[in-house]
C-alpha cells in the first residue's frame, strides 16, 4: 500500500461515524478539478507513510473510532488492498471505500469477502462524456459494471458527482442519474475553486445554488434520495 496521508479524525467522511481517513497514492483518472494532485501525480508524491505506524495508531484508537475510510487517489489500484483491509477489519473497525469505479473485479471481491461496509463511488459525467472529465479514455464498461455491482450488493452506498460549470451542463444530470436509476443515495457536490490538478481550474466557476437545486430535482426523478453537499 502506498499511503500518502492520514486524517486521524473525521465526522464527515463516514455517515454518522467517527472515522480515520487513509489516502492512497495513485489514480487511474486525471480529472481537471481534482483537489488532491499530490495523490495523483507521481512527481508530487510524498514519501509513503509507514504501514506499521498506521496500524499502531489504529490499535490505539480501538473503541474510540468507529471506522476507517480508505480514499485516494484510487485505492483499488493498490496491489495489497485486500490484505490491508483484512487487517483493519481484524481491529473491529467498519470500513468505507471511496472509489472511482474503475476496478469492478476488486469491488466484487471486497464485497463477496464482507470486507467493506460502505462504498462511495464517484460518478464523473454522463457515460459518453467520461473522457472529457477524466482525461483518459477507458470506455464506460467498467464504470457500468461497478454501478451494477454496488447497487446489487447488500451494503450501504452512495454515488456522488462534483459538478463544474465548465465541464458539466445542467442537462447532464439527467443522463447521470439515469445511469444509476433507483440508487439509494446520490450526492451532488458543488465545485469549490482551490488547488486543482489542472491549475486553470482553480479559477473556474461553480454552478449557482439555484442551478444545484434544479439538478437535484431532476435527479430525484430517477434516484431515491439526492442531497447537495
C-alpha atoms as a PDB file:
ATOM      1  CA  UNK A   1       0.000   0.000   0.000  1.00  0.00           C
ATOM      2  CA  UNK A   2       1.272   3.427  -0.958  1.00  0.00           C
ATOM      3  CA  UNK A   3      -0.302   5.751   1.582  1.00  0.00           C
ATOM      4  CA  UNK A   4       0.181   9.469   1.106  1.00  0.00           C
ATOM      5  CA  UNK A   5      -1.823  10.804   4.020  1.00  0.00           C
ATOM      6  CA  UNK A   6      -3.745  10.052   7.201  1.00  0.00           C
ATOM      7  CA  UNK A   7      -6.561  12.113   8.681  1.00  0.00           C
ATOM      8  CA  UNK A   8      -6.751  10.925  12.257  1.00  0.00           C
ATOM      9  CA  UNK A   9     -10.309  12.044  13.000  1.00  0.00           C
ATOM     10  CA  UNK A  10     -13.314  12.928  10.873  1.00  0.00           C
ATOM     11  CA  UNK A  11     -17.044  13.158  11.460  1.00  0.00           C
ATOM     12  CA  UNK A  12     -17.938  13.817   7.813  1.00  0.00           C
ATOM     13  CA  UNK A  13     -16.267  11.078   5.766  1.00  0.00           C
ATOM     14  CA  UNK A  14     -18.345   8.148   7.051  1.00  0.00           C
ATOM     15  CA  UNK A  15     -22.042   8.913   7.645  1.00  0.00           C
ATOM     16  CA  UNK A  16     -22.824   9.158  11.361  1.00  0.00           C
ATOM     17  CA  UNK A  17     -19.496   7.590  12.363  1.00  0.00           C
ATOM     18  CA  UNK A  18     -16.208   8.829  13.799  1.00  0.00           C
ATOM     19  CA  UNK A  19     -13.513   7.733  11.389  1.00  0.00           C
ATOM     20  CA  UNK A  20      -9.880   7.923  10.408  1.00  0.00           C
ATOM     21  CA  UNK A  21      -9.233   8.525   6.717  1.00  0.00           C
ATOM     22  CA  UNK A  22      -6.373   6.911   4.798  1.00  0.00           C
ATOM     23  CA  UNK A  23      -5.363   8.445   1.452  1.00  0.00           C
ATOM     24  CA  UNK A  24      -3.654   6.167  -1.075  1.00  0.00           C
ATOM     25  CA  UNK A  25      -1.315   7.371  -3.800  1.00  0.00           C
ATOM     26  CA  UNK A  26      -2.027   6.892  -7.487  1.00  0.00           C
ATOM     27  CA  UNK A  27      -5.129   7.234  -9.647  1.00  0.00           C
ATOM     28  CA  UNK A  28      -6.360   5.958 -12.995  1.00  0.00           C
ATOM     29  CA  UNK A  29      -8.020   9.294 -13.797  1.00  0.00           C
ATOM     30  CA  UNK A  30      -6.645  12.812 -14.182  1.00  0.00           C
ATOM     31  CA  UNK A  31      -9.723  14.920 -13.518  1.00  0.00           C
ATOM     32  CA  UNK A  32      -9.155  18.627 -14.158  1.00  0.00           C
ATOM     33  CA  UNK A  33     -10.799  19.720 -10.907  1.00  0.00           C
ATOM     34  CA  UNK A  34      -9.171  17.139  -8.605  1.00  0.00           C
ATOM     35  CA  UNK A  35      -8.230  18.749  -5.283  1.00  0.00           C
ATOM     36  CA  UNK A  36      -5.550  16.157  -4.479  1.00  0.00           C
ATOM     37  CA  UNK A  37      -2.880  16.395  -7.207  1.00  0.00           C
ATOM     38  CA  UNK A  38      -0.285  15.196  -4.681  1.00  0.00           C
ATOM     39  CA  UNK A  39      -2.121  11.852  -4.622  1.00  0.00           C
ATOM     40  CA  UNK A  40      -2.480  11.583  -8.411  1.00  0.00           C
ATOM     41  CA  UNK A  41       0.712  12.904  -9.999  1.00  0.00           C
ATOM     42  CA  UNK A  42       3.750  10.720  -9.276  1.00  0.00           C
ATOM     43  CA  UNK A  43       6.090  13.701  -9.386  1.00  0.00           C
ATOM     44  CA  UNK A  44       4.178  15.194  -6.453  1.00  0.00           C
ATOM     45  CA  UNK A  45       4.016  12.073  -4.263  1.00  0.00           C
ATOM     46  CA  UNK A  46       5.371  12.434  -0.741  1.00  0.00           C
ATOM     47  CA  UNK A  47       7.326   9.609   0.877  1.00  0.00           C
ATOM     48  CA  UNK A  48       4.654   6.971   1.661  1.00  0.00           C
ATOM     49  CA  UNK A  49       3.635   6.635   5.307  1.00  0.00           C
ATOM     50  CA  UNK A  50       4.840   3.631   7.265  1.00  0.00           C
ATOM     51  CA  UNK A  51       2.176   0.901   7.256  1.00  0.00           C
ATOM     52  CA  UNK A  52       3.074  -0.438  10.695  1.00  0.00           C
ATOM     53  CA  UNK A  53       2.928   3.074  12.090  1.00  0.00           C
ATOM     54  CA  UNK A  54      -0.622   3.415  10.775  1.00  0.00           C
ATOM     55  CA  UNK A  55      -1.683   0.142  12.363  1.00  0.00           C
ATOM     56  CA  UNK A  56      -0.036   1.161  15.631  1.00  0.00           C
ATOM     57  CA  UNK A  57      -2.206   4.286  15.551  1.00  0.00           C
ATOM     58  CA  UNK A  58      -5.361   2.311  14.717  1.00  0.00           C
ATOM     59  CA  UNK A  59      -4.731  -0.163  17.526  1.00  0.00           C
ATOM     60  CA  UNK A  60      -4.640   2.730  19.982  1.00  0.00           C
ATOM     61  CA  UNK A  61      -7.903   4.105  18.595  1.00  0.00           C
ATOM     62  CA  UNK A  62      -9.920   0.923  19.059  1.00  0.00           C
ATOM     63  CA  UNK A  63     -13.070   1.777  20.964  1.00  0.00           C
ATOM     64  CA  UNK A  64     -12.615   5.482  20.188  1.00  0.00           C
ATOM     65  CA  UNK A  65     -13.116   5.441  16.434  1.00  0.00           C
ATOM     66  CA  UNK A  66     -15.910   3.576  14.663  1.00  0.00           C
ATOM     67  CA  UNK A  67     -14.496   3.300  11.172  1.00  0.00           C
ATOM     68  CA  UNK A  68     -11.657   3.631   8.717  1.00  0.00           C
ATOM     69  CA  UNK A  69     -12.222   5.290   5.338  1.00  0.00           C
ATOM     70  CA  UNK A  70      -9.877   4.313   2.533  1.00  0.00           C
ATOM     71  CA  UNK A  71      -9.749   7.030  -0.085  1.00  0.00           C
ATOM     72  CA  UNK A  72      -7.306   8.357  -2.630  1.00  0.00           C
ATOM     73  CA  UNK A  73      -6.228   8.696  -5.293  1.00  0.00           C
ATOM     74  CA  UNK A  74      -7.846   5.410  -6.238  1.00  0.00           C
ATOM     75  CA  UNK A  75      -7.492   2.689  -3.564  1.00  0.00           C
ATOM     76  CA  UNK A  76      -8.345  -0.221  -5.869  1.00  0.00           C
ATOM     77  CA  UNK A  77      -5.051   0.320  -7.702  1.00  0.00           C
ATOM     78  CA  UNK A  78      -3.178  -0.862  -4.598  1.00  0.00           C
ATOM     79  CA  UNK A  79      -1.996  -4.452  -5.063  1.00  0.00           C
ATOM     80  CA  UNK A  80      -2.365  -5.445  -1.405  1.00  0.00           C
ATOM     81  CA  UNK A  81      -5.591  -3.571  -0.684  1.00  0.00           C
ATOM     82  CA  UNK A  82      -7.499  -6.707   0.304  1.00  0.00           C
ATOM     83  CA  UNK A  83      -4.866  -7.824   2.829  1.00  0.00           C
ATOM     84  CA  UNK A  84      -4.683  -4.294   4.227  1.00  0.00           C
ATOM     85  CA  UNK A  85      -8.453  -4.140   4.745  1.00  0.00           C
ATOM     86  CA  UNK A  86      -8.431  -7.574   6.378  1.00  0.00           C
ATOM     87  CA  UNK A  87      -6.017  -6.217   8.989  1.00  0.00           C
ATOM     88  CA  UNK A  88      -8.269  -3.200   9.538  1.00  0.00           C
ATOM     89  CA  UNK A  89     -11.345  -5.404   9.927  1.00  0.00           C
ATOM     90  CA  UNK A  90      -9.471  -7.597  12.424  1.00  0.00           C
ATOM     91  CA  UNK A  91      -9.290  -4.485  14.631  1.00  0.00           C
ATOM     92  CA  UNK A  92     -13.119  -4.361  14.542  1.00  0.00           C
ATOM     93  CA  UNK A  93     -13.455  -1.171  12.524  1.00  0.00           C
ATOM     94  CA  UNK A  94     -16.118  -0.520   9.927  1.00  0.00           C
ATOM     95  CA  UNK A  95     -14.556   0.134   6.517  1.00  0.00           C
ATOM     96  CA  UNK A  96     -15.718   2.615   3.896  1.00  0.00           C
ATOM     97  CA  UNK A  97     -14.176   2.640   0.429  1.00  0.00           C
ATOM     98  CA  UNK A  98     -14.063   5.708  -1.800  1.00  0.00           C
ATOM     99  CA  UNK A  99     -13.627   4.677  -5.432  1.00  0.00           C
ATOM    100  CA  UNK A 100     -13.972   5.897  -8.997  1.00  0.00           C
ATOM    101  CA  UNK A 101     -15.343   2.505 -10.061  1.00  0.00           C
ATOM    102  CA  UNK A 102     -12.537   1.655 -12.449  1.00  0.00           C
ATOM    103  CA  UNK A 103     -11.869  -1.799 -10.964  1.00  0.00           C
ATOM    104  CA  UNK A 104     -15.169  -3.707 -10.686  1.00  0.00           C
ATOM    105  CA  UNK A 105     -13.414  -7.030 -10.032  1.00  0.00           C
ATOM    106  CA  UNK A 106     -11.788  -5.644  -6.880  1.00  0.00           C
ATOM    107  CA  UNK A 107     -15.141  -4.246  -5.736  1.00  0.00           C
ATOM    108  CA  UNK A 108     -16.762  -7.636  -6.273  1.00  0.00           C
ATOM    109  CA  UNK A 109     -14.009  -9.406  -4.312  1.00  0.00           C
ATOM    110  CA  UNK A 110     -14.220  -6.957  -1.404  1.00  0.00           C
ATOM    111  CA  UNK A 111     -17.999  -7.270  -1.213  1.00  0.00           C
ATOM    112  CA  UNK A 112     -18.021 -11.064  -1.508  1.00  0.00           C
ATOM    113  CA  UNK A 113     -15.482 -11.330   1.312  1.00  0.00           C
ATOM    114  CA  UNK A 114     -17.503  -8.967   3.551  1.00  0.00           C
ATOM    115  CA  UNK A 115     -14.566  -6.603   3.830  1.00  0.00           C
ATOM    116  CA  UNK A 116     -16.351  -3.286   3.310  1.00  0.00           C
ATOM    117  CA  UNK A 117     -19.393  -1.780   4.977  1.00  0.00           C
ATOM    118  CA  UNK A 118     -19.940   1.327   2.850  1.00  0.00           C
ATOM    119  CA  UNK A 119     -18.974   2.361  -0.687  1.00  0.00           C
ATOM    120  CA  UNK A 120     -18.900   5.864  -2.119  1.00  0.00           C
ATOM    121  CA  UNK A 121     -18.423   5.869  -5.876  1.00  0.00           C
ATOM    122  CA  UNK A 122     -17.673   8.995  -7.878  1.00  0.00           C
ATOM    123  CA  UNK A 123     -19.798   9.383 -10.987  1.00  0.00           C
ATOM    124  CA  UNK A 124     -17.730  11.753 -13.097  1.00  0.00           C
ATOM    125  CA  UNK A 125     -20.021  12.552 -16.015  1.00  0.00           C
ATOM    126  CA  UNK A 126     -22.565  11.018 -18.376  1.00  0.00           C
ATOM    127  CA  UNK A 127     -21.034   7.749 -19.532  1.00  0.00           C
ATOM    128  CA  UNK A 128     -20.471   9.058 -23.062  1.00  0.00           C
ATOM    129  CA  UNK A 129     -18.546  12.104 -21.747  1.00  0.00           C
ATOM    130  CA  UNK A 130     -16.262  10.436 -19.204  1.00  0.00           C
ATOM    131  CA  UNK A 131     -13.009  11.124 -21.046  1.00  0.00           C
ATOM    132  CA  UNK A 132     -13.783  14.855 -21.107  1.00  0.00           C
ATOM    133  CA  UNK A 133     -13.584  14.928 -17.315  1.00  0.00           C
ATOM    134  CA  UNK A 134     -11.030  12.200 -16.600  1.00  0.00           C
ATOM    135  CA  UNK A 135      -8.519  12.987 -19.387  1.00  0.00           C
ATOM    136  CA  UNK A 136      -8.218   9.296 -20.233  1.00  0.00           C
ATOM    137  CA  UNK A 137     -10.401   7.073 -22.392  1.00  0.00           C
ATOM    138  CA  UNK A 138     -11.067   3.758 -20.646  1.00  0.00           C
ATOM    139  CA  UNK A 139     -14.552   3.343 -22.065  1.00  0.00           C
ATOM    140  CA  UNK A 140     -17.645   3.026 -19.905  1.00  0.00           C
ATOM    141  CA  UNK A 141     -17.899  -0.754 -19.482  1.00  0.00           C
ATOM    142  CA  UNK A 142     -16.031  -0.909 -16.186  1.00  0.00           C
ATOM    143  CA  UNK A 143     -17.943   2.042 -14.777  1.00  0.00           C
ATOM    144  CA  UNK A 144     -21.263   0.463 -15.715  1.00  0.00           C
ATOM    145  CA  UNK A 145     -20.203  -2.846 -14.188  1.00  0.00           C
ATOM    146  CA  UNK A 146     -19.168  -1.200 -10.920  1.00  0.00           C
ATOM    147  CA  UNK A 147     -22.503   0.611 -10.706  1.00  0.00           C
ATOM    148  CA  UNK A 148     -24.324  -2.700 -11.157  1.00  0.00           C
ATOM    149  CA  UNK A 149     -22.178  -4.474  -8.537  1.00  0.00           C
ATOM    150  CA  UNK A 150     -22.673  -1.726  -5.973  1.00  0.00           C
ATOM    151  CA  UNK A 151     -26.413  -1.380  -6.486  1.00  0.00           C
ATOM    152  CA  UNK A 152     -26.987  -5.148  -6.312  1.00  0.00           C
ATOM    153  CA  UNK A 153     -24.965  -5.524  -3.108  1.00  0.00           C
ATOM    154  CA  UNK A 154     -26.408  -5.599   0.393  1.00  0.00           C
ATOM    155  CA  UNK A 155     -24.121  -2.900   1.773  1.00  0.00           C
ATOM    156  CA  UNK A 156     -24.696   0.824   2.198  1.00  0.00           C
ATOM    157  CA  UNK A 157     -23.548   3.037  -0.647  1.00  0.00           C
ATOM    158  CA  UNK A 158     -23.725   6.420  -2.259  1.00  0.00           C
ATOM    159  CA  UNK A 159     -22.882   7.807  -5.664  1.00  0.00           C
ATOM    160  CA  UNK A 160     -21.536  11.321  -5.845  1.00  0.00           C
ATOM    161  CA  UNK A 161     -20.704  13.852  -8.539  1.00  0.00           C
ATOM    162  CA  UNK A 162     -18.637  17.008  -8.344  1.00  0.00           C
ATOM    163  CA  UNK A 163     -20.213  19.424 -10.779  1.00  0.00           C
ATOM    164  CA  UNK A 164     -18.084  22.050 -12.540  1.00  0.00           C
ATOM    165  CA  UNK A 165     -19.750  24.614 -14.752  1.00  0.00           C
ATOM    166  CA  UNK A 166     -17.101  24.486 -17.481  1.00  0.00           C
ATOM    167  CA  UNK A 167     -17.179  20.671 -17.680  1.00  0.00           C
ATOM    168  CA  UNK A 168     -20.792  19.804 -16.994  1.00  0.00           C
ATOM    169  CA  UNK A 169     -24.084  21.071 -18.300  1.00  0.00           C
ATOM    170  CA  UNK A 170     -27.300  21.116 -16.320  1.00  0.00           C
ATOM    171  CA  UNK A 171     -28.736  18.646 -18.815  1.00  0.00           C
ATOM    172  CA  UNK A 172     -26.009  16.127 -17.941  1.00  0.00           C
ATOM    173  CA  UNK A 173     -27.576  15.401 -14.584  1.00  0.00           C
ATOM    174  CA  UNK A 174     -30.490  13.521 -16.139  1.00  0.00           C
ATOM    175  CA  UNK A 175     -28.170  11.144 -18.026  1.00  0.00           C
ATOM    176  CA  UNK A 176     -26.038  10.679 -14.921  1.00  0.00           C
ATOM    177  CA  UNK A 177     -28.972   9.920 -12.654  1.00  0.00           C
ATOM    178  CA  UNK A 178     -30.490   7.550 -15.219  1.00  0.00           C
ATOM    179  CA  UNK A 179     -27.212   5.602 -15.240  1.00  0.00           C
ATOM    180  CA  UNK A 180     -27.768   4.927 -11.507  1.00  0.00           C
ATOM    181  CA  UNK A 181     -31.570   4.726 -11.732  1.00  0.00           C
ATOM    182  CA  UNK A 182     -33.088   3.547  -8.464  1.00  0.00           C
ATOM    183  CA  UNK A 183     -29.956   4.286  -6.421  1.00  0.00           C
ATOM    184  CA  UNK A 184     -30.413   4.742  -2.676  1.00  0.00           C
ATOM    185  CA  UNK A 185     -28.436   7.969  -2.481  1.00  0.00           C
ATOM    186  CA  UNK A 186     -26.907  10.425  -4.934  1.00  0.00           C
ATOM    187  CA  UNK A 187     -24.797  13.318  -3.652  1.00  0.00           C
ATOM    188  CA  UNK A 188     -24.264  16.409  -5.802  1.00  0.00           C
ATOM    189  CA  UNK A 189     -21.105  18.213  -4.779  1.00  0.00           C
ATOM    190  CA  UNK A 190     -20.668  21.870  -5.603  1.00  0.00           C
ATOM    191  CA  UNK A 191     -17.234  22.596  -7.043  1.00  0.00           C
ATOM    192  CA  UNK A 192     -15.014  24.706  -4.792  1.00  0.00           C
ATOM    193  CA  UNK A 193     -12.256  26.651  -6.530  1.00  0.00           C
ATOM    194  CA  UNK A 194      -8.938  25.927  -4.795  1.00  0.00           C
ATOM    195  CA  UNK A 195      -5.829  23.867  -5.616  1.00  0.00           C
ATOM    196  CA  UNK A 196      -6.655  21.705  -8.647  1.00  0.00           C
ATOM    197  CA  UNK A 197      -4.789  19.142 -10.729  1.00  0.00           C
ATOM    198  CA  UNK A 198      -5.261  21.376 -13.769  1.00  0.00           C
ATOM    199  CA  UNK A 199      -4.192  24.773 -12.370  1.00  0.00           C
ATOM    200  CA  UNK A 200      -6.562  26.672 -14.671  1.00  0.00           C
ATOM    201  CA  UNK A 201      -9.491  25.075 -12.857  1.00  0.00           C
ATOM    202  CA  UNK A 202      -8.638  26.885  -9.629  1.00  0.00           C
ATOM    203  CA  UNK A 203     -10.354  29.874 -11.246  1.00  0.00           C
ATOM    204  CA  UNK A 204     -13.351  28.074 -12.724  1.00  0.00           C
ATOM    205  CA  UNK A 205     -16.860  28.885 -11.593  1.00  0.00           C
ATOM    206  CA  UNK A 206     -19.280  26.671  -9.704  1.00  0.00           C
ATOM    207  CA  UNK A 207     -22.946  26.262 -10.504  1.00  0.00           C
ATOM    208  CA  UNK A 208     -25.221  28.639  -8.626  1.00  0.00           C
ATOM    209  CA  UNK A 209     -27.307  27.437  -5.694  1.00  0.00           C
ATOM    210  CA  UNK A 210     -30.407  27.721  -7.903  1.00  0.00           C
ATOM    211  CA  UNK A 211     -28.766  25.565 -10.581  1.00  0.00           C
ATOM    212  CA  UNK A 212     -27.787  22.974  -7.975  1.00  0.00           C
ATOM    213  CA  UNK A 213     -31.383  22.803  -6.718  1.00  0.00           C
ATOM    214  CA  UNK A 214     -32.661  22.387 -10.277  1.00  0.00           C
ATOM    215  CA  UNK A 215     -30.250  19.499 -10.824  1.00  0.00           C
ATOM    216  CA  UNK A 216     -31.207  17.942  -7.509  1.00  0.00           C
ATOM    217  CA  UNK A 217     -34.871  17.987  -8.506  1.00  0.00           C
ATOM    218  CA  UNK A 218     -34.051  16.430 -11.874  1.00  0.00           C
ATOM    219  CA  UNK A 219     -32.002  13.678 -10.223  1.00  0.00           C
ATOM    220  CA  UNK A 220     -34.847  12.910  -7.821  1.00  0.00           C
ATOM    221  CA  UNK A 221     -36.932  11.789 -10.806  1.00  0.00           C
ATOM    222  CA  UNK A 222     -34.598   8.785 -11.072  1.00  0.00           C
ATOM    223  CA  UNK A 223     -32.980   8.113  -7.658  1.00  0.00           C
ATOM    224  CA  UNK A 224     -34.483   7.584  -4.209  1.00  0.00           C
ATOM    225  CA  UNK A 225     -32.564  10.311  -2.383  1.00  0.00           C
ATOM    226  CA  UNK A 226     -30.429  13.176  -3.621  1.00  0.00           C
ATOM    227  CA  UNK A 227     -28.605  15.699  -1.445  1.00  0.00           C
ATOM    228  CA  UNK A 228     -26.413  18.691  -2.201  1.00  0.00           C
ATOM    229  CA  UNK A 229     -23.096  18.821  -0.410  1.00  0.00           C
END
